[in-house]
Protein backbone atom coordinates (compact mmCIF):
# COMPACT_ATOMS: atom_id res chain seq x y z
CA UNK A 1 0.00 0.00 0.00
CA UNK A 2 1.39 3.37 -1.04
CA UNK A 3 0.71 6.28 1.34
CA UNK A 4 1.35 9.87 0.23
CA UNK A 5 0.38 13.28 1.53
CA UNK A 6 -0.11 14.66 -1.99
CA UNK A 7 -3.27 14.40 -4.10
CA UNK A 8 -1.47 12.50 -6.89
CA UNK A 9 1.13 9.81 -7.47
CA UNK A 10 3.54 10.59 -10.32
CA UNK A 11 2.92 8.47 -13.40
CA UNK A 12 -0.33 6.96 -12.08
CA UNK A 13 -3.89 7.59 -13.16
CA UNK A 14 -6.10 7.31 -10.08
CA UNK A 15 -9.69 6.23 -9.52
CA UNK A 16 -10.99 7.65 -6.25
CA UNK A 17 -12.66 5.06 -4.01
CA UNK A 18 -13.50 7.27 -1.05
CA UNK A 19 -12.46 8.52 2.35
CA UNK A 20 -10.73 6.06 4.68
CA UNK A 21 -9.82 6.61 8.29
CA UNK A 22 -8.38 4.97 11.34
CA UNK A 23 -8.34 6.16 14.91
CA UNK A 24 -7.35 5.19 18.41
CA UNK A 25 -7.44 6.65 21.90
CA UNK A 26 -4.31 5.97 23.92
CA UNK A 27 -3.33 6.69 27.51
CA UNK A 28 -0.35 6.08 29.74
CA UNK A 29 -0.57 4.20 33.00
CA UNK A 30 -0.78 6.16 36.24
CA UNK A 31 2.86 5.47 37.19
CA UNK A 32 4.21 6.88 33.92
CA UNK A 33 1.75 9.78 34.14
CA UNK A 34 3.11 10.75 37.56
CA UNK A 35 6.75 10.56 36.44
CA UNK A 36 5.97 12.65 33.37
CA UNK A 37 4.24 15.30 35.51
CA UNK A 38 7.50 15.70 37.49
CA UNK A 39 9.34 16.18 34.19
CA UNK A 40 7.17 19.22 33.44
CA UNK A 41 8.69 20.94 36.48
CA UNK A 42 12.22 20.86 35.05
CA UNK A 43 11.43 20.86 31.33
CA UNK A 44 12.57 18.61 28.52
CA UNK A 45 11.08 15.96 26.31
CA UNK A 46 8.24 13.87 27.71
CA UNK A 47 9.50 10.59 26.28
CA UNK A 48 6.64 8.42 27.58
CA UNK A 49 4.07 10.68 25.91
CA UNK A 50 6.12 10.90 22.73
CA UNK A 51 6.20 7.10 22.64
CA UNK A 52 2.45 6.95 23.31
CA UNK A 53 1.71 9.31 20.40
CA UNK A 54 4.03 7.41 18.03
CA UNK A 55 2.25 4.17 18.93
CA UNK A 56 -1.13 5.83 18.45
CA UNK A 57 -0.19 7.19 15.01
CA UNK A 58 1.08 3.76 13.94
CA UNK A 59 -2.13 2.06 15.06
CA UNK A 60 -4.37 4.70 13.45
CA UNK A 61 -2.40 4.34 10.19
CA UNK A 62 -2.71 0.55 10.31
CA UNK A 63 -6.50 0.80 10.76
CA UNK A 64 -6.76 3.31 7.89
CA UNK A 65 -4.76 0.98 5.60
CA UNK A 66 -6.97 -1.99 6.57
CA UNK A 67 -10.09 0.00 5.61
CA UNK A 68 -8.51 0.93 2.26
CA UNK A 69 -7.57 -2.70 1.60
CA UNK A 70 -11.21 -3.74 2.17
CA UNK A 71 -12.14 -1.30 -0.62
CA UNK A 72 -9.52 -2.84 -2.93
CA UNK A 73 -7.30 0.27 -2.90
CA UNK A 74 -3.77 0.36 -4.24
CA UNK A 75 -2.84 3.55 -2.39
CA UNK A 76 -4.04 6.31 -0.09
CA UNK A 77 -3.49 9.92 -1.14
CA UNK A 78 -3.82 13.12 0.89
CA UNK A 79 -2.92 11.31 4.11
CA UNK A 80 -3.41 13.54 7.13
CA UNK A 81 -3.23 13.14 10.91
CA UNK A 82 -5.23 14.87 13.62
CA UNK A 83 -4.98 14.56 17.38
CA UNK A 84 -6.95 15.82 20.32
CA UNK A 85 -6.71 15.49 24.09
CA UNK A 86 -9.60 13.41 25.36
CA UNK A 87 -8.74 13.69 29.05
CA UNK A 88 -5.66 14.20 31.22
CA UNK A 89 -2.99 11.81 29.89
CA UNK A 90 -5.10 10.45 27.01
CA UNK A 91 -5.24 11.47 23.37
CA UNK A 92 -7.15 10.48 20.26
CA UNK A 93 -5.21 10.20 17.03
CA UNK A 94 -6.93 9.96 13.67
CA UNK A 95 -5.36 9.15 10.31
CA UNK A 96 -7.39 9.83 7.17
CA UNK A 97 -7.00 10.08 3.44
CA UNK A 98 -8.52 9.14 0.10
CA UNK A 99 -8.32 5.51 -1.02
CA UNK A 100 -7.47 5.16 -4.73
CA UNK A 101 -7.10 2.42 -7.29
CA UNK A 102 -4.63 2.58 -10.18
CA UNK A 103 -6.15 2.59 -13.68
C-alpha atoms as a PDB file:
ATOM      1  CA  UNK A   1       0.000   0.000   0.000  1.00  0.00           C
ATOM      2  CA  UNK A   2       1.386   3.370  -1.038  1.00  0.00           C
ATOM      3  CA  UNK A   3       0.708   6.279   1.342  1.00  0.00           C
ATOM      4  CA  UNK A   4       1.347   9.866   0.229  1.00  0.00           C
ATOM      5  CA  UNK A   5       0.378  13.279   1.526  1.00  0.00           C
ATOM      6  CA  UNK A   6      -0.108  14.663  -1.993  1.00  0.00           C
ATOM      7  CA  UNK A   7      -3.268  14.399  -4.101  1.00  0.00           C
ATOM      8  CA  UNK A   8      -1.471  12.503  -6.885  1.00  0.00           C
ATOM      9  CA  UNK A   9       1.133   9.813  -7.474  1.00  0.00           C
ATOM     10  CA  UNK A  10       3.541  10.593 -10.318  1.00  0.00           C
ATOM     11  CA  UNK A  11       2.917   8.474 -13.402  1.00  0.00           C
ATOM     12  CA  UNK A  12      -0.326   6.958 -12.083  1.00  0.00           C
ATOM     13  CA  UNK A  13      -3.895   7.591 -13.158  1.00  0.00           C
ATOM     14  CA  UNK A  14      -6.101   7.311 -10.083  1.00  0.00           C
ATOM     15  CA  UNK A  15      -9.687   6.225  -9.523  1.00  0.00           C
ATOM     16  CA  UNK A  16     -10.993   7.653  -6.248  1.00  0.00           C
ATOM     17  CA  UNK A  17     -12.660   5.062  -4.013  1.00  0.00           C
ATOM     18  CA  UNK A  18     -13.502   7.268  -1.046  1.00  0.00           C
ATOM     19  CA  UNK A  19     -12.455   8.520   2.353  1.00  0.00           C
ATOM     20  CA  UNK A  20     -10.729   6.063   4.676  1.00  0.00           C
ATOM     21  CA  UNK A  21      -9.820   6.612   8.287  1.00  0.00           C
ATOM     22  CA  UNK A  22      -8.384   4.968  11.339  1.00  0.00           C
ATOM     23  CA  UNK A  23      -8.340   6.157  14.908  1.00  0.00           C
ATOM     24  CA  UNK A  24      -7.354   5.191  18.412  1.00  0.00           C
ATOM     25  CA  UNK A  25      -7.440   6.648  21.895  1.00  0.00           C
ATOM     26  CA  UNK A  26      -4.310   5.967  23.920  1.00  0.00           C
ATOM     27  CA  UNK A  27      -3.326   6.690  27.506  1.00  0.00           C
ATOM     28  CA  UNK A  28      -0.350   6.079  29.739  1.00  0.00           C
ATOM     29  CA  UNK A  29      -0.571   4.198  33.002  1.00  0.00           C
ATOM     30  CA  UNK A  30      -0.780   6.162  36.237  1.00  0.00           C
ATOM     31  CA  UNK A  31       2.859   5.474  37.192  1.00  0.00           C
ATOM     32  CA  UNK A  32       4.206   6.876  33.923  1.00  0.00           C
ATOM     33  CA  UNK A  33       1.755   9.783  34.140  1.00  0.00           C
ATOM     34  CA  UNK A  34       3.112  10.749  37.563  1.00  0.00           C
ATOM     35  CA  UNK A  35       6.753  10.555  36.445  1.00  0.00           C
ATOM     36  CA  UNK A  36       5.974  12.651  33.369  1.00  0.00           C
ATOM     37  CA  UNK A  37       4.244  15.302  35.511  1.00  0.00           C
ATOM     38  CA  UNK A  38       7.496  15.701  37.494  1.00  0.00           C
ATOM     39  CA  UNK A  39       9.336  16.177  34.189  1.00  0.00           C
ATOM     40  CA  UNK A  40       7.166  19.224  33.440  1.00  0.00           C
ATOM     41  CA  UNK A  41       8.687  20.940  36.479  1.00  0.00           C
ATOM     42  CA  UNK A  42      12.217  20.861  35.049  1.00  0.00           C
ATOM     43  CA  UNK A  43      11.428  20.858  31.329  1.00  0.00           C
ATOM     44  CA  UNK A  44      12.568  18.610  28.523  1.00  0.00           C
ATOM     45  CA  UNK A  45      11.079  15.959  26.306  1.00  0.00           C
ATOM     46  CA  UNK A  46       8.242  13.868  27.712  1.00  0.00           C
ATOM     47  CA  UNK A  47       9.502  10.591  26.282  1.00  0.00           C
ATOM     48  CA  UNK A  48       6.638   8.423  27.577  1.00  0.00           C
ATOM     49  CA  UNK A  49       4.068  10.685  25.910  1.00  0.00           C
ATOM     50  CA  UNK A  50       6.121  10.895  22.733  1.00  0.00           C
ATOM     51  CA  UNK A  51       6.199   7.101  22.637  1.00  0.00           C
ATOM     52  CA  UNK A  52       2.448   6.953  23.312  1.00  0.00           C
ATOM     53  CA  UNK A  53       1.708   9.311  20.401  1.00  0.00           C
ATOM     54  CA  UNK A  54       4.033   7.414  18.034  1.00  0.00           C
ATOM     55  CA  UNK A  55       2.254   4.167  18.927  1.00  0.00           C
ATOM     56  CA  UNK A  56      -1.128   5.830  18.448  1.00  0.00           C
ATOM     57  CA  UNK A  57      -0.185   7.192  15.007  1.00  0.00           C
ATOM     58  CA  UNK A  58       1.084   3.764  13.941  1.00  0.00           C
ATOM     59  CA  UNK A  59      -2.133   2.057  15.063  1.00  0.00           C
ATOM     60  CA  UNK A  60      -4.367   4.697  13.450  1.00  0.00           C
ATOM     61  CA  UNK A  61      -2.397   4.344  10.193  1.00  0.00           C
ATOM     62  CA  UNK A  62      -2.710   0.549  10.311  1.00  0.00           C
ATOM     63  CA  UNK A  63      -6.495   0.803  10.761  1.00  0.00           C
ATOM     64  CA  UNK A  64      -6.762   3.305   7.887  1.00  0.00           C
ATOM     65  CA  UNK A  65      -4.764   0.980   5.598  1.00  0.00           C
ATOM     66  CA  UNK A  66      -6.971  -1.990   6.566  1.00  0.00           C
ATOM     67  CA  UNK A  67     -10.086  -0.001   5.613  1.00  0.00           C
ATOM     68  CA  UNK A  68      -8.511   0.933   2.264  1.00  0.00           C
ATOM     69  CA  UNK A  69      -7.566  -2.704   1.602  1.00  0.00           C
ATOM     70  CA  UNK A  70     -11.209  -3.744   2.174  1.00  0.00           C
ATOM     71  CA  UNK A  71     -12.135  -1.299  -0.620  1.00  0.00           C
ATOM     72  CA  UNK A  72      -9.519  -2.838  -2.934  1.00  0.00           C
ATOM     73  CA  UNK A  73      -7.302   0.265  -2.904  1.00  0.00           C
ATOM     74  CA  UNK A  74      -3.765   0.357  -4.238  1.00  0.00           C
ATOM     75  CA  UNK A  75      -2.841   3.549  -2.387  1.00  0.00           C
ATOM     76  CA  UNK A  76      -4.043   6.308  -0.092  1.00  0.00           C
ATOM     77  CA  UNK A  77      -3.494   9.920  -1.143  1.00  0.00           C
ATOM     78  CA  UNK A  78      -3.817  13.124   0.890  1.00  0.00           C
ATOM     79  CA  UNK A  79      -2.915  11.308   4.114  1.00  0.00           C
ATOM     80  CA  UNK A  80      -3.407  13.539   7.134  1.00  0.00           C
ATOM     81  CA  UNK A  81      -3.230  13.140  10.914  1.00  0.00           C
ATOM     82  CA  UNK A  82      -5.230  14.871  13.620  1.00  0.00           C
ATOM     83  CA  UNK A  83      -4.983  14.557  17.376  1.00  0.00           C
ATOM     84  CA  UNK A  84      -6.952  15.818  20.322  1.00  0.00           C
ATOM     85  CA  UNK A  85      -6.709  15.495  24.086  1.00  0.00           C
ATOM     86  CA  UNK A  86      -9.603  13.413  25.358  1.00  0.00           C
ATOM     87  CA  UNK A  87      -8.739  13.689  29.051  1.00  0.00           C
ATOM     88  CA  UNK A  88      -5.659  14.203  31.220  1.00  0.00           C
ATOM     89  CA  UNK A  89      -2.990  11.814  29.889  1.00  0.00           C
ATOM     90  CA  UNK A  90      -5.098  10.445  27.007  1.00  0.00           C
ATOM     91  CA  UNK A  91      -5.244  11.466  23.372  1.00  0.00           C
ATOM     92  CA  UNK A  92      -7.153  10.484  20.258  1.00  0.00           C
ATOM     93  CA  UNK A  93      -5.208  10.197  17.032  1.00  0.00           C
ATOM     94  CA  UNK A  94      -6.934   9.962  13.666  1.00  0.00           C
ATOM     95  CA  UNK A  95      -5.357   9.155  10.307  1.00  0.00           C
ATOM     96  CA  UNK A  96      -7.389   9.828   7.170  1.00  0.00           C
ATOM     97  CA  UNK A  97      -7.004  10.078   3.439  1.00  0.00           C
ATOM     98  CA  UNK A  98      -8.523   9.135   0.103  1.00  0.00           C
ATOM     99  CA  UNK A  99      -8.324   5.514  -1.017  1.00  0.00           C
ATOM    100  CA  UNK A 100      -7.469   5.156  -4.726  1.00  0.00           C
ATOM    101  CA  UNK A 101      -7.098   2.419  -7.288  1.00  0.00           C
ATOM    102  CA  UNK A 102      -4.630   2.580 -10.178  1.00  0.00           C
ATOM    103  CA  UNK A 103      -6.148   2.591 -13.679  1.00  0.00           C
END
